[in-house]
N, C-alpha and C. Protein backbone atom coordinates (compact mmCIF):
# COMPACT_ATOMS: atom_id res chain seq x y z
N UNK A 1 0.88 -1.34 0.21
CA UNK A 1 0.10 0.10 -0.32
C UNK A 1 0.60 1.20 0.25
N UNK A 2 1.84 1.17 0.31
CA UNK A 2 2.88 2.38 0.40
C UNK A 2 3.58 3.03 -0.71
N UNK A 3 3.51 1.66 -1.97
CA UNK A 3 3.84 2.00 -2.87
C UNK A 3 3.01 2.87 -3.60
N UNK A 4 1.78 2.47 -3.53
CA UNK A 4 0.71 3.46 -4.17
C UNK A 4 0.77 4.91 -3.83
N UNK A 5 0.76 5.19 -2.26
CA UNK A 5 1.28 6.66 -1.61
C UNK A 5 2.81 7.26 -2.43
N UNK A 6 3.66 6.25 -2.56
CA UNK A 6 4.29 7.26 -3.49
C UNK A 6 3.81 7.10 -4.81
N UNK A 7 3.85 6.44 -5.36
CA UNK A 7 3.42 6.50 -7.23
C UNK A 7 2.05 7.88 -6.89
N UNK A 8 1.31 8.46 -5.94
CA UNK A 8 0.66 9.48 -6.33
C UNK A 8 1.36 10.88 -5.99
N UNK A 9 2.41 10.53 -5.24
CA UNK A 9 2.93 11.86 -4.93
C UNK A 9 4.18 12.32 -5.79
N UNK A 10 4.67 11.36 -6.62
CA UNK A 10 5.44 11.31 -8.13
C UNK A 10 4.56 11.72 -9.35
N UNK A 11 3.44 11.38 -9.03
CA UNK A 11 2.23 11.91 -10.28
C UNK A 11 1.74 13.06 -10.08
N UNK A 12 1.68 13.57 -8.81
CA UNK A 12 1.46 15.07 -8.44
C UNK A 12 2.75 15.36 -9.16
N UNK A 13 3.94 15.11 -8.93
CA UNK A 13 4.80 16.18 -9.35
C UNK A 13 5.32 15.90 -10.63
N UNK A 14 4.73 15.21 -11.17
CA UNK A 14 5.08 14.78 -12.47
C UNK A 14 3.90 16.07 -13.31
N UNK A 15 2.31 16.08 -12.52
CA UNK A 15 1.42 16.84 -13.50
C UNK A 15 1.58 18.07 -13.34
N UNK A 16 2.01 18.67 -11.84
CA UNK A 16 2.27 20.22 -11.75
C UNK A 16 3.29 20.25 -12.54
N UNK A 17 4.39 19.88 -12.76
CA UNK A 17 5.67 20.35 -13.18
C UNK A 17 5.55 20.37 -14.57
N UNK A 18 4.47 19.19 -15.30
CA UNK A 18 4.34 19.17 -16.51
C UNK A 18 3.57 20.04 -16.90
N UNK A 19 2.74 20.56 -16.20
CA UNK A 19 1.88 21.65 -16.62
C UNK A 19 2.40 23.23 -16.67
N UNK A 20 3.44 23.19 -15.85
CA UNK A 20 4.27 24.64 -15.38
C UNK A 20 5.53 24.90 -16.70
N UNK A 21 5.92 23.93 -16.69
CA UNK A 21 6.74 23.75 -18.21
C UNK A 21 6.02 24.30 -19.44
N UNK A 22 4.83 23.42 -19.67
CA UNK A 22 4.32 23.89 -20.64
C UNK A 22 3.56 25.26 -20.99
N UNK A 23 3.29 25.64 -19.61
CA UNK A 23 2.88 27.35 -19.68
C UNK A 23 3.96 28.05 -20.50
N UNK A 24 5.23 27.79 -19.12
CA UNK A 24 6.11 28.61 -19.48
C UNK A 24 6.93 28.57 -20.59
N UNK A 25 7.04 27.84 -21.31
CA UNK A 25 6.94 27.35 -22.49
C UNK A 25 6.81 28.01 -23.73
N UNK A 26 5.26 28.17 -23.49
CA UNK A 26 4.10 28.66 -24.27
C UNK A 26 3.48 27.55 -25.34
N UNK A 27 3.84 25.92 -24.86
CA UNK A 27 2.76 25.21 -24.85
C UNK A 27 1.91 24.83 -25.00
N UNK A 28 1.18 25.26 -23.86
CA UNK A 28 -0.02 25.39 -23.20
C UNK A 28 -0.41 26.72 -22.54
N UNK A 29 -1.70 26.49 -22.91
CA UNK A 29 -2.05 28.30 -22.64
C UNK A 29 -2.76 27.82 -21.01
N UNK A 30 -2.38 29.28 -20.06
CA UNK A 30 -2.86 29.10 -18.91
C UNK A 30 -4.02 29.00 -18.82
N UNK A 31 -4.87 27.98 -19.27
CA UNK A 31 -6.60 27.68 -19.02
C UNK A 31 -6.93 26.56 -18.67
N UNK A 32 -7.98 26.00 -18.82
CA UNK A 32 -8.35 24.92 -17.98
C UNK A 32 -7.64 23.46 -18.05
N UNK A 33 -6.61 23.51 -18.97
CA UNK A 33 -5.97 22.08 -19.22
C UNK A 33 -5.16 22.62 -17.47
N UNK A 34 -4.56 23.69 -17.71
CA UNK A 34 -3.03 23.80 -16.78
C UNK A 34 -4.19 23.93 -15.49
N UNK A 35 -4.96 23.98 -15.34
CA UNK A 35 -5.96 24.39 -13.88
C UNK A 35 -6.10 22.81 -13.52
N UNK A 36 -6.72 21.92 -14.28
CA UNK A 36 -6.95 20.87 -14.18
C UNK A 36 -5.91 19.91 -13.82
N UNK A 37 -4.55 19.92 -14.20
CA UNK A 37 -3.36 19.45 -13.97
C UNK A 37 -2.85 20.26 -12.43
N UNK A 38 -2.85 21.34 -12.19
CA UNK A 38 -2.82 21.78 -11.24
C UNK A 38 -3.51 21.34 -9.55
N UNK A 39 -4.94 21.20 -10.26
CA UNK A 39 -5.76 20.77 -9.14
C UNK A 39 -5.27 18.94 -9.24
N UNK A 40 -5.48 18.04 -9.87
CA UNK A 40 -4.77 16.71 -9.79
C UNK A 40 -3.74 16.44 -9.04
N UNK A 41 -2.97 17.16 -9.36
CA UNK A 41 -1.44 17.00 -8.74
C UNK A 41 -1.43 17.59 -7.49
N UNK A 42 -2.34 18.65 -6.96
CA UNK A 42 -2.40 18.71 -5.96
C UNK A 42 -3.04 17.88 -4.66
N UNK A 43 -3.94 17.34 -5.43
CA UNK A 43 -4.66 16.27 -4.83
C UNK A 43 -3.69 15.18 -4.23
N UNK A 44 -2.92 14.77 -5.48
CA UNK A 44 -1.89 13.51 -5.31
C UNK A 44 -1.13 14.17 -4.18
N UNK A 45 -0.51 15.14 -4.29
CA UNK A 45 0.50 15.74 -3.00
C UNK A 45 -0.35 15.88 -1.40
N UNK A 46 -1.63 15.71 -1.46
CA UNK A 46 -2.42 16.09 -0.30
C UNK A 46 -2.42 14.77 0.13
N UNK A 47 -2.49 13.63 -0.60
CA UNK A 47 -2.61 12.59 -0.56
C UNK A 47 -1.50 11.49 0.40
N UNK A 48 0.12 11.93 -0.28
CA UNK A 48 1.38 11.43 -0.32
C UNK A 48 1.50 12.11 0.99
N UNK A 49 1.46 13.28 0.84
CA UNK A 49 1.64 14.26 2.16
C UNK A 49 0.73 13.60 3.84
N UNK A 50 -0.12 13.60 3.11
CA UNK A 50 -0.62 12.81 4.43
C UNK A 50 -0.22 11.69 5.18
N UNK A 51 -0.02 10.64 3.93
CA UNK A 51 0.52 9.33 4.40
C UNK A 51 1.40 9.44 5.23
N UNK A 52 2.45 10.41 4.53
CA UNK A 52 3.74 10.72 5.78
C UNK A 52 3.84 11.49 6.59
N UNK A 53 2.66 12.03 7.26
CA UNK A 53 2.33 13.14 8.01
C UNK A 53 3.31 14.61 7.74
N UNK A 54 3.37 14.93 6.42
CA UNK A 54 4.07 16.21 5.77
C UNK A 54 2.79 17.44 6.35
N UNK A 55 2.29 17.62 7.00
CA UNK A 55 1.41 19.04 7.40
C UNK A 55 1.66 20.21 6.53
N UNK A 56 3.23 20.45 6.55
CA UNK A 56 2.95 21.86 6.10
C UNK A 56 2.78 21.85 4.86
N UNK A 57 2.84 20.48 4.12
CA UNK A 57 3.23 20.25 2.30
C UNK A 57 1.43 20.24 2.36
N UNK A 58 0.85 19.45 3.01
CA UNK A 58 -0.79 19.05 3.13
C UNK A 58 -1.47 20.55 2.79
N UNK A 59 -1.11 21.39 4.11
CA UNK A 59 -1.52 22.49 4.03
C UNK A 59 -1.64 23.36 2.65
N UNK A 60 -0.34 23.08 2.04
CA UNK A 60 0.03 24.37 1.20
C UNK A 60 -1.02 23.48 0.13
N UNK A 61 -1.25 22.27 -0.27
CA UNK A 61 -1.67 21.60 -1.35
C UNK A 61 -3.44 21.76 -1.45
N UNK A 62 -3.19 21.71 -0.05
CA UNK A 62 -4.82 22.41 -0.06
C UNK A 62 -5.24 23.90 -0.56
N UNK A 63 -4.40 24.33 0.09
CA UNK A 63 -4.57 25.95 -0.83
C UNK A 63 -4.26 25.77 -2.40
N UNK A 64 -3.34 24.60 -3.04
CA UNK A 64 -3.09 24.96 -4.12
C UNK A 64 -4.54 24.53 -4.93
N UNK A 65 -4.67 23.13 -4.28
CA UNK A 65 -6.24 22.94 -4.69
C UNK A 65 -7.40 23.75 -4.72
N UNK A 66 -7.50 24.84 -3.61
CA UNK A 66 -8.04 25.60 -3.63
C UNK A 66 -8.41 26.78 -4.72
N UNK A 67 -7.40 26.73 -5.03
CA UNK A 67 -6.79 28.33 -6.19
C UNK A 67 -6.81 27.81 -7.43
N UNK A 68 -7.01 26.14 -7.67
CA UNK A 68 -7.18 25.57 -8.89
C UNK A 68 -8.83 25.47 -9.08
N UNK A 69 -9.35 24.86 -7.96
CA UNK A 69 -10.61 25.05 -7.69
C UNK A 69 -11.39 26.26 -8.29
N UNK A 70 -11.07 27.41 -7.38
CA UNK A 70 -11.59 28.30 -7.83
C UNK A 70 -11.46 29.12 -9.24
N UNK A 71 -10.26 28.75 -10.14
CA UNK A 71 -9.86 29.26 -11.33
C UNK A 71 -10.71 28.34 -12.29
N UNK A 72 -10.84 27.13 -12.17
CA UNK A 72 -11.67 26.49 -13.00
C UNK A 72 -13.14 26.92 -12.86
N UNK A 73 -13.74 27.37 -11.43
CA UNK A 73 -15.19 27.76 -11.50
C UNK A 73 -15.24 29.29 -11.90
N UNK A 74 -14.41 30.13 -11.71
CA UNK A 74 -14.64 31.28 -12.81
C UNK A 74 -14.43 31.00 -13.95
N UNK A 75 -13.46 29.91 -14.11
CA UNK A 75 -13.39 30.04 -15.91
C UNK A 75 -14.65 29.36 -16.49
N UNK A 76 -15.14 28.75 -15.61
CA UNK A 76 -16.49 27.85 -16.38
C UNK A 76 -17.87 29.22 -16.41
N UNK A 77 -17.84 30.17 -15.41
CA UNK A 77 -18.57 31.30 -15.11
C UNK A 77 -18.63 31.77 -16.23
N UNK A 78 -17.13 32.50 -16.43
CA UNK A 78 -16.67 33.06 -17.73
C UNK A 78 -17.32 32.90 -19.15
N UNK A 79 -17.18 30.95 -19.36
CA UNK A 79 -17.66 30.54 -20.34
C UNK A 79 -18.81 30.97 -20.52
N UNK A 80 -20.13 30.88 -19.47
CA UNK A 80 -21.37 31.19 -19.44
C UNK A 80 -21.97 32.18 -20.22
N UNK A 81 -21.03 33.12 -19.57
CA UNK A 81 -21.23 34.50 -19.92
C UNK A 81 -20.62 34.98 -20.99
N UNK A 82 -19.34 34.63 -21.69
CA UNK A 82 -19.05 34.99 -23.35
C UNK A 82 -20.41 34.29 -24.05
N UNK A 83 -21.04 33.15 -23.54
CA UNK A 83 -21.74 32.52 -24.17
C UNK A 83 -23.49 33.43 -24.79
N UNK A 84 -23.32 34.18 -23.28
CA UNK A 84 -24.91 34.82 -23.96
C UNK A 84 -24.21 36.47 -24.06
N UNK A 85 -22.86 36.94 -23.92
CA UNK A 85 -22.73 37.88 -24.62
C UNK A 85 -22.63 38.83 -23.67
N UNK A 86 -21.99 38.44 -22.43
CA UNK A 86 -22.10 39.76 -21.15
C UNK A 86 -20.65 40.21 -21.15
N UNK A 87 -19.48 39.56 -21.38
CA UNK A 87 -18.17 39.92 -21.13
C UNK A 87 -17.61 40.81 -22.18
N UNK A 88 -16.87 41.77 -21.64
CA UNK A 88 -15.85 42.34 -22.55
C UNK A 88 -15.12 41.71 -23.41
N UNK A 89 -14.59 42.17 -24.82
CA UNK A 89 -13.52 41.49 -25.45
C UNK A 89 -12.47 41.26 -25.12
N UNK A 90 -11.50 40.68 -24.94
CA UNK A 90 -10.36 40.29 -24.30
C UNK A 90 -9.61 40.33 -25.69
N UNK A 91 -7.76 40.53 -25.37
CA UNK A 91 -7.06 40.40 -26.40
C UNK A 91 -5.36 39.99 -25.86
N UNK A 92 -5.01 39.68 -26.29
CA UNK A 92 -3.21 39.24 -26.18
C UNK A 92 -2.59 40.09 -26.76
N UNK A 93 -1.81 40.65 -26.26
CA UNK A 93 -0.84 41.75 -26.56
C UNK A 93 0.01 40.79 -27.62
N UNK A 94 1.10 41.61 -28.89
CA UNK A 94 1.29 40.92 -29.33
C UNK A 94 3.17 40.79 -28.92
N UNK A 95 3.85 39.87 -29.25
CA UNK A 95 5.02 39.15 -28.37
C UNK A 95 4.94 39.28 -26.74
N UNK A 96 3.99 39.19 -26.13
CA UNK A 96 3.72 38.53 -24.79
C UNK A 96 3.65 37.56 -24.58
N UNK A 97 4.21 36.81 -24.07
CA UNK A 97 3.92 35.38 -24.05
C UNK A 97 2.08 35.00 -23.01
N UNK A 98 1.92 33.84 -23.61
CA UNK A 98 0.60 33.51 -22.81
C UNK A 98 0.53 33.37 -21.84
N UNK A 99 0.18 33.95 -20.52
CA UNK A 99 0.32 33.76 -19.06
C UNK A 99 -1.34 33.18 -18.63
N UNK A 100 -2.16 33.39 -19.76
CA UNK A 100 -3.73 33.38 -18.86
C UNK A 100 -4.22 34.67 -18.21
N UNK A 101 -3.35 35.78 -17.92
CA UNK A 101 -3.97 36.82 -18.20
C UNK A 101 -3.94 37.56 -19.45
N UNK A 102 -5.34 38.14 -19.33
CA UNK A 102 -5.42 38.76 -20.60
C UNK A 102 -6.03 40.38 -20.23
N UNK A 103 -5.96 41.12 -21.06
CA UNK A 103 -6.31 42.43 -20.93
C UNK A 103 -7.73 42.88 -22.09
N UNK A 104 -8.21 43.80 -20.81
CA UNK A 104 -9.85 44.10 -21.25
C UNK A 104 -9.39 45.25 -21.96
N UNK A 105 -9.80 45.34 -23.61
CA UNK A 105 -9.62 46.51 -24.30
C UNK A 105 -11.04 46.73 -24.67
N UNK A 106 -10.67 48.18 -25.28
CA UNK A 106 -11.87 48.69 -26.01
C UNK A 106 -11.92 48.80 -27.74
N UNK A 107 -12.96 48.52 -28.19
CA UNK A 107 -12.94 48.69 -29.87
C UNK A 107 -12.52 50.13 -30.48
N UNK A 108 -11.33 50.16 -31.21
CA UNK A 108 -11.44 51.58 -31.68
C UNK A 108 -13.03 51.95 -32.33
N UNK A 109 -13.02 53.17 -31.89
CA UNK A 109 -14.21 53.91 -32.46
C UNK A 109 -13.99 55.17 -33.67
N UNK A 110 -14.96 54.88 -34.75
CA UNK A 110 -15.00 56.29 -35.47
C UNK A 110 -15.21 57.47 -35.24
N UNK A 111 -14.17 58.81 -35.12
CA UNK A 111 -14.73 59.87 -35.04
C UNK A 111 -15.59 60.56 -35.69
């Protein structure tokens, strides 16, 4: 059974580090896939940390889980608002890496 908890810990490390690497290199947008990887990775770290009684790690990963869960919830809410046309247009600035943080802009208007 101990092997299962160790595998969970290593799987969590792979999930979180892979997602971070992919976003940092521009291979993945900091969207739902990134947040899901963080959510699942933090769950695996929580299980592994609890098994080893590493409570600071458990608390840190509970916070990590909650941050990812809230981000996913907000993305879902944003999808619903976009479907109804209730959200302002967003744009990624040219030459700036995709970080998931978008600037809200107004469309230029003719004078």
